[in-house]
Protein backbone atom coordinates (compact mmCIF):
# COMPACT_ATOMS: atom_id res chain seq x y z
CA ALA A 1 -51.94 -53.89 10.74
CA THR A 2 -53.37 -56.63 8.47
CA THR A 3 -57.07 -56.72 7.38
CA GLY A 4 -59.17 -59.58 6.40
CA THR A 5 -60.74 -62.58 7.99
CA CYS A 6 -59.39 -64.55 10.89
CA VAL A 7 -56.65 -63.24 13.12
CA GLN A 8 -54.78 -60.27 12.06
CA THR A 9 -51.31 -59.14 12.75
CA SER A 10 -49.37 -56.06 12.81
CA ALA A 11 -45.72 -54.69 12.55
CA LYS A 12 -44.12 -51.72 13.98
CA GLY A 13 -41.19 -49.39 12.64
CA THR A 14 -39.68 -46.00 13.17
CA ILE A 15 -39.43 -43.04 10.76
CA THR A 16 -36.90 -40.35 11.69
CA VAL A 17 -37.07 -37.08 9.77
CA ASN A 18 -33.80 -35.18 9.90
CA PRO A 19 -33.85 -31.48 9.46
CA ASP A 20 -32.17 -29.67 6.59
CA ALA A 21 -29.10 -27.50 7.63
CA THR A 22 -29.58 -23.89 8.27
CA ILE A 23 -27.12 -21.00 8.28
CA SER A 24 -27.61 -17.32 9.49
CA LEU A 25 -25.32 -14.33 10.18
CA SER A 26 -24.68 -13.88 13.73
CA SER A 27 -22.18 -10.87 13.48
CA LEU A 28 -23.36 -7.49 12.42
CA ALA A 29 -24.63 -7.24 8.86
CA SER A 30 -21.95 -4.85 8.08
CA THR A 31 -19.11 -7.51 8.54
CA THR A 32 -20.14 -9.27 5.19
CA THR A 33 -19.17 -6.42 3.20
CA GLN A 34 -15.90 -5.19 4.61
CA SER A 35 -13.36 -2.92 2.93
CA ILE A 36 -10.02 -2.83 4.79
CA CYS A 37 -6.34 -2.03 4.10
CA GLU A 38 -3.61 -4.58 3.33
CA GLY A 39 -2.20 -5.86 6.44
CA THR A 40 -5.14 -4.83 8.51
CA LEU A 41 -7.04 -7.23 10.84
CA LEU A 42 -10.52 -8.28 9.48
CA THR A 43 -13.39 -7.70 11.72
CA PRO A 44 -14.37 -11.33 12.46
CA ILE A 45 -17.55 -12.50 10.57
CA THR A 46 -19.72 -15.32 12.30
CA TYR A 47 -22.34 -17.69 11.22
CA ALA A 48 -24.69 -19.67 13.28
CA ILE A 49 -24.94 -23.40 11.92
CA ALA A 50 -28.02 -25.20 13.06
CA ASP A 51 -30.48 -27.99 12.49
CA GLY A 52 -28.89 -30.59 10.28
CA GLY A 53 -25.74 -28.61 9.67
CA THR A 54 -22.81 -30.22 11.55
CA GLY A 55 -20.00 -27.87 10.19
CA ALA A 56 -19.16 -25.53 7.32
CA THR A 57 -16.59 -24.97 4.74
CA VAL A 58 -15.70 -21.54 2.91
CA ALA A 59 -14.35 -20.54 -0.60
CA GLY A 60 -13.13 -17.38 -1.94
CA LEU A 61 -11.20 -15.92 1.07
CA PRO A 62 -7.85 -13.91 0.52
CA ASN A 63 -4.65 -15.23 1.67
CA GLY A 64 -4.16 -14.74 5.50
CA VAL A 65 -7.94 -15.08 6.13
CA THR A 66 -9.44 -18.47 7.29
CA GLY A 67 -12.67 -19.98 8.25
CA ASN A 68 -13.07 -22.09 11.41
CA TYR A 69 -16.17 -24.18 12.80
CA ASN A 70 -16.60 -24.73 16.39
CA GLY A 71 -19.65 -25.47 18.54
CA GLY A 72 -22.23 -24.51 16.02
CA THR A 73 -20.49 -21.25 14.80
CA PHE A 74 -18.49 -20.82 11.70
CA THR A 75 -15.90 -17.87 12.19
CA ILE A 76 -13.97 -16.03 9.45
CA SER A 77 -11.00 -14.09 10.60
CA GLY A 78 -7.31 -13.18 9.88
CA THR A 79 -5.25 -10.42 8.33
CA PRO A 80 -5.28 -10.51 4.58
CA THR A 81 -1.80 -10.70 2.75
CA GLU A 82 -3.12 -9.86 -0.80
CA THR A 83 -5.03 -7.13 -2.35
CA GLY A 84 -8.35 -7.09 -4.44
CA PRO A 85 -12.16 -7.85 -4.18
CA PHE A 86 -12.96 -11.31 -2.78
CA THR A 87 -16.34 -12.88 -2.94
CA TYR A 88 -16.65 -15.72 -0.39
CA THR A 89 -19.23 -18.41 0.05
CA VAL A 90 -19.79 -20.29 3.50
CA THR A 91 -21.60 -23.73 2.85
CA THR A 92 -22.82 -25.95 5.50
CA THR A 93 -21.93 -29.60 5.90
CA GLY A 94 -23.96 -32.42 7.40
CA THR A 95 -26.96 -34.63 6.34
CA CYS A 96 -29.90 -33.63 4.24
CA ALA A 97 -30.11 -30.48 2.21
CA GLN A 98 -27.29 -27.84 2.86
CA GLU A 99 -27.47 -24.03 2.76
CA SER A 100 -24.95 -21.25 1.78
CA LEU A 101 -24.30 -17.67 2.58
CA GLY A 102 -21.65 -15.28 1.35
CA GLY A 103 -20.29 -11.78 1.37
CA THR A 104 -17.36 -9.63 -0.03
CA ILE A 105 -14.15 -8.58 1.30
CA THR A 106 -12.18 -5.82 -0.33
CA VAL A 107 -8.50 -5.50 0.59
CA ASN A 108 -7.13 -2.13 -0.64
CA PRO A 109 -3.29 -1.72 -1.27
CA ASN A 110 -0.89 0.37 0.82
CA ALA A 111 0.90 3.11 -1.09
CA ALA A 112 4.27 2.59 -2.73
CA ILE A 113 6.96 5.06 -4.09
CA LEU A 114 9.93 4.30 -6.28
CA LEU A 115 12.37 6.65 -8.03
CA SER A 116 11.52 6.43 -11.74
CA SER A 117 14.20 8.95 -12.98
CA ALA A 118 17.81 7.93 -13.49
CA VAL A 119 19.73 6.49 -10.60
CA GLY A 120 21.29 9.30 -8.65
CA THR A 121 19.08 12.20 -9.52
CA ASP A 122 17.58 12.14 -6.08
CA ASP A 123 20.90 13.45 -4.88
CA GLN A 124 22.22 16.20 -6.87
CA LEU A 125 25.17 18.72 -6.46
CA PHE A 126 25.47 21.79 -8.72
CA CYS A 127 25.91 25.59 -9.13
CA GLU A 128 23.30 28.24 -8.34
CA GLY A 129 21.47 29.39 -11.42
CA THR A 130 21.58 25.94 -12.86
CA ALA A 131 18.42 24.08 -13.75
CA LEU A 132 17.77 20.94 -11.53
CA THR A 133 17.80 17.62 -13.47
CA THR A 134 14.36 16.44 -13.11
CA ILE A 135 13.60 13.97 -10.42
CA SER A 136 10.48 11.71 -10.73
CA TYR A 137 8.91 9.11 -8.49
CA ALA A 138 6.33 6.58 -9.54
CA ILE A 139 3.39 6.57 -7.04
CA THR A 140 1.67 3.21 -6.95
CA GLY A 141 -0.66 0.95 -5.00
CA GLY A 142 -2.94 3.03 -2.75
CA GLY A 143 -1.23 6.21 -3.34
CA THR A 144 -3.27 8.72 -5.07
CA GLY A 145 -0.77 11.79 -4.91
CA ALA A 146 2.21 13.05 -2.96
CA THR A 147 3.46 16.05 -1.28
CA VAL A 148 7.24 17.24 -0.75
CA SER A 149 8.95 19.19 1.83
CA GLY A 150 12.43 20.69 2.13
CA LEU A 151 12.90 21.83 -1.42
CA PRO A 152 14.99 25.20 -2.14
CA SER A 153 13.18 28.37 -3.43
CA GLY A 154 12.72 28.00 -7.19
CA VAL A 155 12.11 24.23 -7.14
CA ILE A 156 8.59 22.63 -6.92
CA GLY A 157 6.98 19.30 -6.92
CA ASN A 158 4.00 18.25 -8.96
CA TYR A 159 1.87 14.95 -9.13
CA SER A 160 0.14 13.76 -12.34
CA GLY A 161 -0.97 10.47 -13.62
CA GLY A 162 0.80 8.40 -11.06
CA THR A 163 4.26 10.33 -11.35
CA PHE A 164 5.49 13.01 -8.81
CA THR A 165 7.98 15.27 -10.54
CA ILE A 166 10.45 17.86 -8.93
CA ASN A 167 12.08 20.34 -11.08
CA GLY A 168 12.92 24.03 -11.33
CA THR A 169 15.98 26.25 -11.13
CA PRO A 170 16.87 27.05 -7.32
CA THR A 171 17.25 30.66 -6.35
CA ALA A 172 18.96 29.74 -2.99
CA THR A 173 22.18 28.06 -2.11
CA GLY A 174 22.90 25.46 0.42
CA THR A 175 22.00 21.87 1.46
CA PHE A 176 18.31 20.80 1.10
CA ASN A 177 17.19 17.45 2.33
CA TYR A 178 13.80 16.87 0.97
CA THR A 179 10.95 14.19 1.62
CA VAL A 180 8.30 13.13 -0.77
CA THR A 181 5.32 11.49 0.95
CA THR A 182 2.51 9.77 -0.79
CA THR A 183 -1.08 10.52 -0.19
CA GLY A 184 -4.15 8.36 -0.44
CA THR A 185 -5.92 5.62 1.71
CA CYS A 186 -4.28 2.97 3.76
CA ALA A 187 -0.56 3.09 4.84
CA GLN A 188 1.50 5.87 3.27
CA VAL A 189 5.40 5.91 2.59
CA ALA A 190 8.08 8.47 1.94
CA ALA A 191 11.22 8.78 -0.17
CA ILE A 192 14.02 11.08 0.82
CA GLY A 193 16.83 12.94 -1.24
CA SER A 194 19.14 15.87 -1.23
CA ILE A 195 19.94 18.77 -3.35
CA VAL A 196 23.23 20.80 -2.82
CA ILE A 197 23.62 24.20 -4.51
CA LYS A 198 26.93 25.75 -4.31
CA LYS A 199 27.43 29.59 -4.82
CA GLU A 200 29.14 30.79 -7.98
CA VAL A 201 32.25 32.75 -7.22
CA THR A 202 34.17 35.35 -9.10
CA ILE A 203 37.81 35.93 -7.79
CA GLY A 204 39.76 39.20 -8.32
CA THR A 205 39.15 41.86 -11.02
CA GLN A 206 41.99 40.72 -13.56
CA PRO A 207 41.10 38.24 -16.36
CA GLN A 208 43.84 35.71 -15.02
CA ASN A 209 42.00 35.61 -11.73
CA VAL A 210 38.48 34.62 -12.78
CA GLY A 211 36.83 31.80 -10.67
CA VAL A 212 34.16 29.57 -11.94
CA CYS A 213 31.88 27.23 -10.15
CA ILE A 214 32.18 23.65 -11.95
CA ASN A 215 29.17 21.16 -11.76
CA ASN A 216 29.92 17.55 -12.83
CA SER A 217 28.82 14.03 -11.71
CA ALA A 218 32.00 13.36 -9.58
CA SER A 219 32.45 16.80 -7.67
CA LEU A 220 31.87 20.51 -7.61
CA SER A 221 34.90 22.92 -7.16
CA VAL A 222 36.09 26.36 -7.76
CA ILE A 223 38.72 26.77 -10.48
CA ALA A 224 40.84 29.97 -10.15
CA PHE A 225 43.98 31.09 -11.98
CA GLY A 226 46.51 32.83 -9.97
CA VAL A 227 44.80 32.20 -6.84
CA PRO A 228 46.70 30.90 -3.63
CA ALA A 229 45.92 27.27 -2.72
CA ALA A 230 44.62 28.41 0.69
CA ALA A 231 42.10 30.77 -0.89
CA LEU A 232 40.78 28.06 -2.97
CA ALA A 233 40.17 25.77 -0.16
CA MET A 234 38.14 28.40 1.46
CA LEU A 235 36.23 28.62 -1.64
CA ASN A 236 35.35 25.23 -2.09
CA ASP A 237 34.14 24.47 1.42
């Protein structure tokens, strides 16, 4: 209103004070620092957006994980498709001052296994008493080691520095189907192979009737001199 002499006048107006945006975690505190495996569903992370906040955006999420705003709540959810540590930030949107909160999602890789020795070394055929050509597998991703089952006596597996190695000299004959299985966190995988060991044979007592077990990349057979074909067929079975 005016002041002074004579008649005074006044005028009216409206002042609207809009609130700043606010954001607060509405899921459990532990949800903001998750460590999960690749391909595992994230425990949803939720934030309450209030006062001047009319929505929110998020940055820093791994592929496969998204943020969605609905009715005052911003939700982060999904299944990560990439590995690594991801520091994310949720920022409100609206009028006046905005606010942010964040967290960390660590996505650990699944284990992987790959033959690293020469192609074909995982399927070997040879004579007893012969040293195995070394078989090696690269253990990567979330794999921290490996175990093996199905090996013949005299042959062992050993893990060192990301490589699982199978070697030795078999003391048994027969067909041995083995399995190498990774160890560690998250999903594990396996690789298989076969080791066939033939028994060395001596035929007859005369020099011309000596049988030998021959090991080569194409086949394994018994060669004998002066031995009927039917007998050879039995020896090569």
